[in-house]
Amino acid sequence: MPMHTTCPRQPASRSMWPGLVANKEMVRIAGVAILSTVLAISAGGQQAPRSPQPTKLLSVDRVPDYNSQMKINQHKAQDMNLDAANRERKRQIDDETAKLLILARDLKLQMDRAGDMPLPPVVVKEAAVIEILANDVKVKMRMTVGGN
């Protein structure tokens, strides 16, 4: 004789799925969690920038010891040297750009004068010099001394 188990009949006022009320609450909580996560991710670009190194707070009454003073002075000197090197690099870029502009104008003038005639070897050589100078300027513009 097979044994049958019967499920008690639920009253009409209850849901067909008894755990649905608890599941609705979990869905609300999950929805709030997802919404707050999306908002936090979308606002991620608006966070305050972090400093690259943690700053040490010194007490107002305390004078830094000799080692700390040496480190501070070394950092200042290094920053000044890097700034000077970057200023020099920018000056060189400006000078080479001005030379490049003069050479390009001269080359254009010579090509306009030549018209349909074949170009003289001097003009071809000048075009090669312009190309080399332009590549040098391009490389120097990408560099930064002491860049992060």
N, C-alpha and C. Protein backbone atom coordinates (compact mmCIF):
# COMPACT_ATOMS: atom_id res chain seq x y z
N MET A 1 0.83 -1.15 0.00
CA MET A 1 0.00 0.00 0.00
C MET A 1 0.90 1.24 0.00
N PRO A 2 0.76 2.13 -1.04
CA PRO A 2 1.62 3.31 -1.10
C PRO A 2 1.23 4.32 -0.04
N MET A 3 2.23 4.94 0.44
CA MET A 3 2.02 5.94 1.45
C MET A 3 1.96 7.32 0.80
N HIS A 4 0.91 8.06 1.03
CA HIS A 4 0.76 9.38 0.44
C HIS A 4 0.85 10.41 1.55
N THR A 5 1.57 11.50 1.20
CA THR A 5 1.59 12.60 2.15
C THR A 5 0.75 13.71 1.55
N THR A 6 0.01 14.33 2.36
CA THR A 6 -0.85 15.39 1.87
C THR A 6 -0.33 16.72 2.40
N CYS A 7 -0.50 17.69 1.59
CA CYS A 7 -0.08 19.04 1.96
C CYS A 7 -1.29 19.75 2.53
N PRO A 8 -1.16 20.36 3.70
CA PRO A 8 -2.33 21.05 4.24
C PRO A 8 -2.73 22.22 3.34
N ARG A 9 -3.98 22.40 3.20
CA ARG A 9 -4.50 23.46 2.34
C ARG A 9 -4.30 24.81 3.03
N GLN A 10 -3.81 25.80 2.23
CA GLN A 10 -3.59 27.13 2.78
C GLN A 10 -4.89 27.92 2.76
N PRO A 11 -5.05 28.77 3.71
CA PRO A 11 -6.25 29.62 3.70
C PRO A 11 -6.22 30.54 2.49
N ALA A 12 -7.34 31.04 2.06
CA ALA A 12 -7.46 31.87 0.86
C ALA A 12 -6.73 33.18 1.01
N SER A 13 -6.55 33.69 2.21
CA SER A 13 -5.93 34.99 2.41
C SER A 13 -4.41 34.93 2.24
N ARG A 14 -3.82 33.76 2.33
CA ARG A 14 -2.37 33.63 2.22
C ARG A 14 -1.96 33.49 0.77
N SER A 15 -0.73 33.80 0.52
CA SER A 15 -0.21 33.72 -0.84
C SER A 15 0.01 32.27 -1.23
N MET A 16 0.12 32.05 -2.51
CA MET A 16 0.36 30.71 -3.01
C MET A 16 1.76 30.25 -2.60
N TRP A 17 2.68 31.21 -2.51
CA TRP A 17 4.05 30.89 -2.10
C TRP A 17 4.30 31.51 -0.74
N PRO A 18 4.46 30.72 0.27
CA PRO A 18 4.55 31.27 1.61
C PRO A 18 5.80 32.14 1.82
N GLY A 19 6.89 31.86 1.15
CA GLY A 19 8.10 32.65 1.36
C GLY A 19 8.13 33.92 0.55
N LEU A 20 7.06 34.23 -0.20
CA LEU A 20 7.06 35.38 -1.09
C LEU A 20 7.15 36.69 -0.33
N VAL A 21 6.49 36.78 0.83
CA VAL A 21 6.54 38.02 1.60
C VAL A 21 7.97 38.28 2.04
N ALA A 22 8.67 37.27 2.50
CA ALA A 22 10.07 37.43 2.90
C ALA A 22 10.93 37.75 1.69
N ASN A 23 10.62 37.11 0.55
CA ASN A 23 11.38 37.37 -0.67
C ASN A 23 11.20 38.80 -1.15
N LYS A 24 9.99 39.37 -0.99
CA LYS A 24 9.77 40.75 -1.40
C LYS A 24 10.67 41.69 -0.60
N GLU A 25 10.78 41.42 0.68
CA GLU A 25 11.64 42.25 1.51
C GLU A 25 13.10 42.11 1.09
N MET A 26 13.52 40.91 0.76
CA MET A 26 14.90 40.70 0.30
C MET A 26 15.13 41.38 -1.04
N VAL A 27 14.13 41.37 -1.91
CA VAL A 27 14.24 42.03 -3.21
C VAL A 27 14.38 43.54 -3.00
N ARG A 28 13.62 44.10 -2.07
CA ARG A 28 13.75 45.53 -1.76
C ARG A 28 15.14 45.85 -1.25
N ILE A 29 15.64 45.04 -0.35
CA ILE A 29 16.98 45.27 0.21
C ILE A 29 18.04 45.15 -0.89
N ALA A 30 17.90 44.13 -1.74
CA ALA A 30 18.85 43.96 -2.85
C ALA A 30 18.76 45.13 -3.81
N GLY A 31 17.56 45.61 -4.08
CA GLY A 31 17.38 46.76 -4.97
C GLY A 31 18.05 48.00 -4.42
N VAL A 32 17.88 48.25 -3.12
CA VAL A 32 18.53 49.40 -2.50
C VAL A 32 20.05 49.23 -2.55
N ALA A 33 20.54 48.03 -2.32
CA ALA A 33 21.99 47.79 -2.37
C ALA A 33 22.53 48.01 -3.78
N ILE A 34 21.81 47.53 -4.78
CA ILE A 34 22.25 47.71 -6.17
C ILE A 34 22.22 49.19 -6.54
N LEU A 35 21.17 49.89 -6.16
CA LEU A 35 21.05 51.31 -6.46
C LEU A 35 22.17 52.10 -5.80
N SER A 36 22.46 51.81 -4.54
CA SER A 36 23.53 52.54 -3.86
C SER A 36 24.89 52.22 -4.47
N THR A 37 25.08 50.98 -4.93
CA THR A 37 26.34 50.62 -5.59
C THR A 37 26.50 51.37 -6.90
N VAL A 38 25.43 51.43 -7.69
CA VAL A 38 25.48 52.14 -8.97
C VAL A 38 25.75 53.62 -8.74
N LEU A 39 25.11 54.22 -7.75
CA LEU A 39 25.34 55.63 -7.45
C LEU A 39 26.77 55.87 -6.98
N ALA A 40 27.31 54.96 -6.19
CA ALA A 40 28.68 55.11 -5.72
C ALA A 40 29.67 55.00 -6.86
N ILE A 41 29.41 54.09 -7.80
CA ILE A 41 30.31 53.92 -8.95
C ILE A 41 30.22 55.13 -9.85
N SER A 42 29.01 55.63 -10.11
CA SER A 42 28.86 56.77 -11.00
C SER A 42 29.44 58.03 -10.40
N ALA A 43 29.48 58.15 -9.09
CA ALA A 43 30.06 59.32 -8.44
C ALA A 43 31.54 59.11 -8.15
N GLY A 44 32.11 58.01 -8.62
CA GLY A 44 33.51 57.71 -8.34
C GLY A 44 34.46 58.76 -8.87
N GLY A 45 34.16 59.42 -10.00
CA GLY A 45 35.03 60.44 -10.55
C GLY A 45 34.99 61.73 -9.76
N GLN A 46 34.06 61.85 -8.82
CA GLN A 46 33.92 63.08 -8.07
C GLN A 46 34.57 62.99 -6.69
N GLN A 47 35.31 61.95 -6.45
CA GLN A 47 35.96 61.81 -5.16
C GLN A 47 37.16 62.73 -5.08
N ALA A 48 37.53 63.08 -3.89
CA ALA A 48 38.69 63.94 -3.69
C ALA A 48 39.95 63.19 -4.12
N PRO A 49 40.88 63.85 -4.81
CA PRO A 49 42.09 63.17 -5.25
C PRO A 49 42.97 62.79 -4.07
N ARG A 50 43.60 61.65 -4.19
CA ARG A 50 44.47 61.18 -3.13
C ARG A 50 45.87 61.73 -3.34
N SER A 51 46.53 62.05 -2.27
CA SER A 51 47.91 62.51 -2.41
C SER A 51 48.79 61.28 -2.63
N PRO A 52 49.86 61.42 -3.44
CA PRO A 52 50.68 60.26 -3.75
C PRO A 52 51.41 59.70 -2.54
N GLN A 53 51.72 60.54 -1.59
CA GLN A 53 52.42 60.07 -0.39
C GLN A 53 51.64 60.54 0.82
N PRO A 54 51.57 59.72 1.84
CA PRO A 54 50.89 60.17 3.05
C PRO A 54 51.70 61.30 3.69
N THR A 55 51.01 62.32 4.14
CA THR A 55 51.70 63.43 4.75
C THR A 55 51.80 63.18 6.25
N LYS A 56 52.95 63.50 6.75
CA LYS A 56 53.17 63.35 8.18
C LYS A 56 52.88 64.68 8.85
N LEU A 57 52.02 64.64 9.84
CA LEU A 57 51.70 65.86 10.56
C LEU A 57 52.68 66.03 11.70
N LEU A 58 53.35 67.17 11.71
CA LEU A 58 54.29 67.45 12.78
C LEU A 58 53.60 68.34 13.80
N SER A 59 53.97 68.16 15.00
CA SER A 59 53.45 68.99 16.05
C SER A 59 53.97 70.40 15.86
N VAL A 60 53.18 71.37 16.23
CA VAL A 60 53.57 72.77 16.04
C VAL A 60 54.78 73.10 16.89
N ASP A 61 54.89 72.55 18.08
CA ASP A 61 55.99 72.90 18.98
C ASP A 61 57.27 72.16 18.64
N ARG A 62 57.18 71.08 17.86
CA ARG A 62 58.35 70.23 17.63
C ARG A 62 59.06 70.64 16.36
N VAL A 63 60.36 70.80 16.46
CA VAL A 63 61.20 71.09 15.31
C VAL A 63 61.62 69.75 14.71
N PRO A 64 61.58 69.61 13.35
CA PRO A 64 61.99 68.34 12.76
C PRO A 64 63.45 68.03 13.09
N ASP A 65 63.73 66.77 13.29
CA ASP A 65 65.10 66.39 13.60
C ASP A 65 65.98 66.53 12.35
N TYR A 66 67.26 66.28 12.52
CA TYR A 66 68.23 66.51 11.45
C TYR A 66 67.92 65.66 10.22
N ASN A 67 67.58 64.39 10.42
CA ASN A 67 67.28 63.51 9.29
C ASN A 67 66.05 64.00 8.51
N SER A 68 65.03 64.42 9.23
CA SER A 68 63.83 64.94 8.57
C SER A 68 64.14 66.21 7.79
N GLN A 69 64.95 67.08 8.37
CA GLN A 69 65.35 68.30 7.67
C GLN A 69 66.14 67.98 6.41
N MET A 70 67.01 66.99 6.47
CA MET A 70 67.80 66.59 5.30
C MET A 70 66.89 66.04 4.21
N LYS A 71 65.93 65.22 4.59
CA LYS A 71 64.99 64.68 3.60
C LYS A 71 64.18 65.79 2.95
N ILE A 72 63.70 66.72 3.75
CA ILE A 72 62.92 67.84 3.22
C ILE A 72 63.76 68.66 2.25
N ASN A 73 65.00 68.95 2.63
CA ASN A 73 65.89 69.72 1.76
C ASN A 73 66.23 68.97 0.48
N GLN A 74 66.42 67.65 0.58
CA GLN A 74 66.71 66.86 -0.62
C GLN A 74 65.52 66.87 -1.58
N HIS A 75 64.31 66.74 -1.04
CA HIS A 75 63.12 66.76 -1.89
C HIS A 75 62.96 68.11 -2.58
N LYS A 76 63.21 69.19 -1.83
CA LYS A 76 63.11 70.53 -2.42
C LYS A 76 64.14 70.71 -3.53
N ALA A 77 65.36 70.27 -3.28
CA ALA A 77 66.42 70.40 -4.28
C ALA A 77 66.11 69.56 -5.52
N GLN A 78 65.62 68.35 -5.30
CA GLN A 78 65.28 67.48 -6.42
C GLN A 78 64.15 68.09 -7.25
N ASP A 79 63.12 68.63 -6.58
CA ASP A 79 62.02 69.27 -7.29
C ASP A 79 62.51 70.47 -8.09
N MET A 80 63.42 71.25 -7.50
CA MET A 80 63.95 72.42 -8.21
C MET A 80 64.76 71.98 -9.42
N ASN A 81 65.54 70.90 -9.29
CA ASN A 81 66.33 70.40 -10.42
C ASN A 81 65.41 69.88 -11.53
N LEU A 82 64.35 69.17 -11.16
CA LEU A 82 63.43 68.66 -12.17
C LEU A 82 62.70 69.80 -12.88
N ASP A 83 62.31 70.81 -12.11
CA ASP A 83 61.65 71.96 -12.72
C ASP A 83 62.59 72.68 -13.69
N ALA A 84 63.85 72.81 -13.30
CA ALA A 84 64.83 73.46 -14.17
C ALA A 84 65.04 72.64 -15.45
N ALA A 85 65.12 71.33 -15.31
CA ALA A 85 65.30 70.47 -16.48
C ALA A 85 64.08 70.55 -17.41
N ASN A 86 62.89 70.61 -16.84
CA ASN A 86 61.69 70.73 -17.67
C ASN A 86 61.62 72.09 -18.36
N ARG A 87 62.02 73.15 -17.65
CA ARG A 87 62.07 74.48 -18.29
C ARG A 87 63.05 74.49 -19.46
N GLU A 88 64.21 73.86 -19.27
CA GLU A 88 65.21 73.79 -20.33
C GLU A 88 64.68 72.99 -21.52
N ARG A 89 64.01 71.89 -21.24
CA ARG A 89 63.44 71.07 -22.32
C ARG A 89 62.39 71.86 -23.09
N LYS A 90 61.55 72.61 -22.39
CA LYS A 90 60.53 73.42 -23.07
C LYS A 90 61.18 74.54 -23.89
N ARG A 91 62.26 75.13 -23.39
CA ARG A 91 62.97 76.16 -24.14
C ARG A 91 63.55 75.57 -25.43
N GLN A 92 64.11 74.37 -25.33
CA GLN A 92 64.66 73.71 -26.51
C GLN A 92 63.55 73.40 -27.52
N ILE A 93 62.41 72.97 -27.04
CA ILE A 93 61.27 72.70 -27.93
C ILE A 93 60.86 73.98 -28.65
N ASP A 94 60.79 75.09 -27.90
CA ASP A 94 60.41 76.37 -28.52
C ASP A 94 61.42 76.78 -29.59
N ASP A 95 62.72 76.66 -29.29
CA ASP A 95 63.75 77.02 -30.26
C ASP A 95 63.68 76.15 -31.50
N GLU A 96 63.56 74.84 -31.30
CA GLU A 96 63.53 73.93 -32.44
C GLU A 96 62.25 74.12 -33.26
N THR A 97 61.16 74.46 -32.61
CA THR A 97 59.92 74.71 -33.33
C THR A 97 60.05 75.97 -34.20
N ALA A 98 60.68 76.99 -33.65
CA ALA A 98 60.90 78.21 -34.44
C ALA A 98 61.79 77.92 -35.65
N LYS A 99 62.85 77.13 -35.45
CA LYS A 99 63.72 76.75 -36.57
C LYS A 99 62.96 75.93 -37.59
N LEU A 100 62.13 75.04 -37.10
CA LEU A 100 61.32 74.19 -37.98
C LEU A 100 60.38 75.03 -38.84
N LEU A 101 59.78 76.03 -38.24
CA LEU A 101 58.87 76.91 -38.97
C LEU A 101 59.61 77.69 -40.06
N ILE A 102 60.80 78.21 -39.73
CA ILE A 102 61.60 78.95 -40.72
C ILE A 102 61.99 78.03 -41.87
N LEU A 103 62.46 76.82 -41.53
CA LEU A 103 62.87 75.89 -42.59
C LEU A 103 61.69 75.48 -43.46
N ALA A 104 60.54 75.27 -42.85
CA ALA A 104 59.36 74.87 -43.63
C ALA A 104 58.90 75.99 -44.56
N ARG A 105 58.94 77.22 -44.09
CA ARG A 105 58.57 78.35 -44.95
C ARG A 105 59.55 78.48 -46.12
N ASP A 106 60.84 78.34 -45.81
CA ASP A 106 61.86 78.42 -46.85
C ASP A 106 61.68 77.31 -47.89
N LEU A 107 61.42 76.10 -47.42
CA LEU A 107 61.21 74.96 -48.33
C LEU A 107 59.99 75.20 -49.22
N LYS A 108 58.92 75.71 -48.64
CA LYS A 108 57.72 75.98 -49.43
C LYS A 108 58.00 77.04 -50.49
N LEU A 109 58.74 78.07 -50.12
CA LEU A 109 59.09 79.12 -51.07
C LEU A 109 59.92 78.56 -52.23
N GLN A 110 60.90 77.71 -51.90
CA GLN A 110 61.75 77.11 -52.94
C GLN A 110 60.93 76.18 -53.84
N MET A 111 59.99 75.44 -53.26
CA MET A 111 59.17 74.54 -54.08
C MET A 111 58.23 75.33 -54.97
N ASP A 112 57.71 76.45 -54.47
CA ASP A 112 56.85 77.29 -55.30
C ASP A 112 57.64 77.89 -56.47
N ARG A 113 58.90 78.28 -56.21
CA ARG A 113 59.75 78.83 -57.26
C ARG A 113 60.07 77.77 -58.33
N ALA A 114 60.28 76.53 -57.85
CA ALA A 114 60.66 75.47 -58.80
C ALA A 114 59.51 75.11 -59.72
N GLY A 115 58.28 75.19 -59.21
CA GLY A 115 57.12 74.87 -60.03
C GLY A 115 57.14 73.40 -60.46
N ASP A 116 57.07 73.16 -61.80
CA ASP A 116 57.03 71.80 -62.32
C ASP A 116 58.42 71.24 -62.58
N MET A 117 59.43 72.03 -62.39
CA MET A 117 60.81 71.56 -62.63
C MET A 117 61.22 70.59 -61.52
N PRO A 118 62.16 69.69 -61.82
CA PRO A 118 62.63 68.79 -60.77
C PRO A 118 63.33 69.57 -59.65
N LEU A 119 63.19 69.06 -58.43
CA LEU A 119 63.75 69.76 -57.27
C LEU A 119 65.27 69.57 -57.21
N PRO A 120 66.01 70.62 -56.88
CA PRO A 120 67.45 70.47 -56.73
C PRO A 120 67.79 69.64 -55.49
N PRO A 121 68.97 69.03 -55.48
CA PRO A 121 69.35 68.19 -54.33
C PRO A 121 69.39 68.96 -53.00
N VAL A 122 69.66 70.24 -53.04
CA VAL A 122 69.70 71.04 -51.82
C VAL A 122 68.31 71.08 -51.17
N VAL A 123 67.28 71.18 -51.98
CA VAL A 123 65.91 71.23 -51.46
C VAL A 123 65.52 69.89 -50.85
N VAL A 124 65.93 68.80 -51.50
CA VAL A 124 65.65 67.46 -50.97
C VAL A 124 66.36 67.26 -49.64
N LYS A 125 67.59 67.74 -49.55
CA LYS A 125 68.36 67.63 -48.31
C LYS A 125 67.71 68.46 -47.20
N GLU A 126 67.22 69.64 -47.56
CA GLU A 126 66.55 70.49 -46.58
C GLU A 126 65.27 69.82 -46.07
N ALA A 127 64.54 69.13 -46.94
CA ALA A 127 63.34 68.41 -46.53
C ALA A 127 63.69 67.29 -45.54
N ALA A 128 64.83 66.63 -45.77
CA ALA A 128 65.27 65.57 -44.84
C ALA A 128 65.62 66.17 -43.49
N VAL A 129 66.25 67.35 -43.48
CA VAL A 129 66.60 68.01 -42.22
C VAL A 129 65.33 68.40 -41.47
N ILE A 130 64.34 68.88 -42.20
CA ILE A 130 63.07 69.25 -41.56
C ILE A 130 62.41 68.02 -40.94
N GLU A 131 62.47 66.91 -41.63
CA GLU A 131 61.87 65.67 -41.10
C GLU A 131 62.57 65.23 -39.82
N ILE A 132 63.89 65.28 -39.80
CA ILE A 132 64.65 64.89 -38.60
C ILE A 132 64.32 65.82 -37.44
N LEU A 133 64.31 67.13 -37.72
CA LEU A 133 64.02 68.10 -36.67
C LEU A 133 62.60 67.93 -36.13
N ALA A 134 61.67 67.65 -37.01
CA ALA A 134 60.28 67.45 -36.58
C ALA A 134 60.16 66.21 -35.69
N ASN A 135 60.88 65.15 -36.02
CA ASN A 135 60.86 63.96 -35.17
C ASN A 135 61.49 64.23 -33.81
N ASP A 136 62.57 65.02 -33.77
CA ASP A 136 63.19 65.39 -32.49
C ASP A 136 62.22 66.18 -31.61
N VAL A 137 61.54 67.14 -32.22
CA VAL A 137 60.57 67.94 -31.46
C VAL A 137 59.45 67.05 -30.94
N LYS A 138 59.00 66.12 -31.76
CA LYS A 138 57.93 65.21 -31.37
C LYS A 138 58.34 64.37 -30.16
N VAL A 139 59.56 63.86 -30.17
CA VAL A 139 60.05 63.04 -29.05
C VAL A 139 60.18 63.90 -27.79
N LYS A 140 60.72 65.11 -27.93
CA LYS A 140 60.91 65.97 -26.76
C LYS A 140 59.58 66.40 -26.16
N MET A 141 58.56 66.53 -26.99
CA MET A 141 57.25 66.92 -26.47
C MET A 141 56.62 65.80 -25.65
N ARG A 142 56.97 64.58 -25.92
CA ARG A 142 56.41 63.45 -25.15
C ARG A 142 57.12 63.26 -23.81
N MET A 143 58.35 63.72 -23.72
CA MET A 143 59.14 63.52 -22.50
C MET A 143 58.78 64.53 -21.43
N THR A 144 58.92 64.12 -20.21
CA THR A 144 58.88 65.02 -19.07
C THR A 144 59.92 64.50 -18.10
N VAL A 145 60.80 65.37 -17.67
CA VAL A 145 61.83 64.95 -16.73
C VAL A 145 61.21 64.77 -15.36
N GLY A 146 61.39 63.58 -14.78
CA GLY A 146 60.86 63.31 -13.45
C GLY A 146 59.37 63.10 -13.44
N GLY A 147 58.77 62.77 -14.57
CA GLY A 147 57.33 62.58 -14.64
C GLY A 147 56.90 61.32 -13.92
N ASN A 148 55.64 61.32 -13.44
CA ASN A 148 55.13 60.14 -12.72
C ASN A 148 54.53 59.17 -13.68
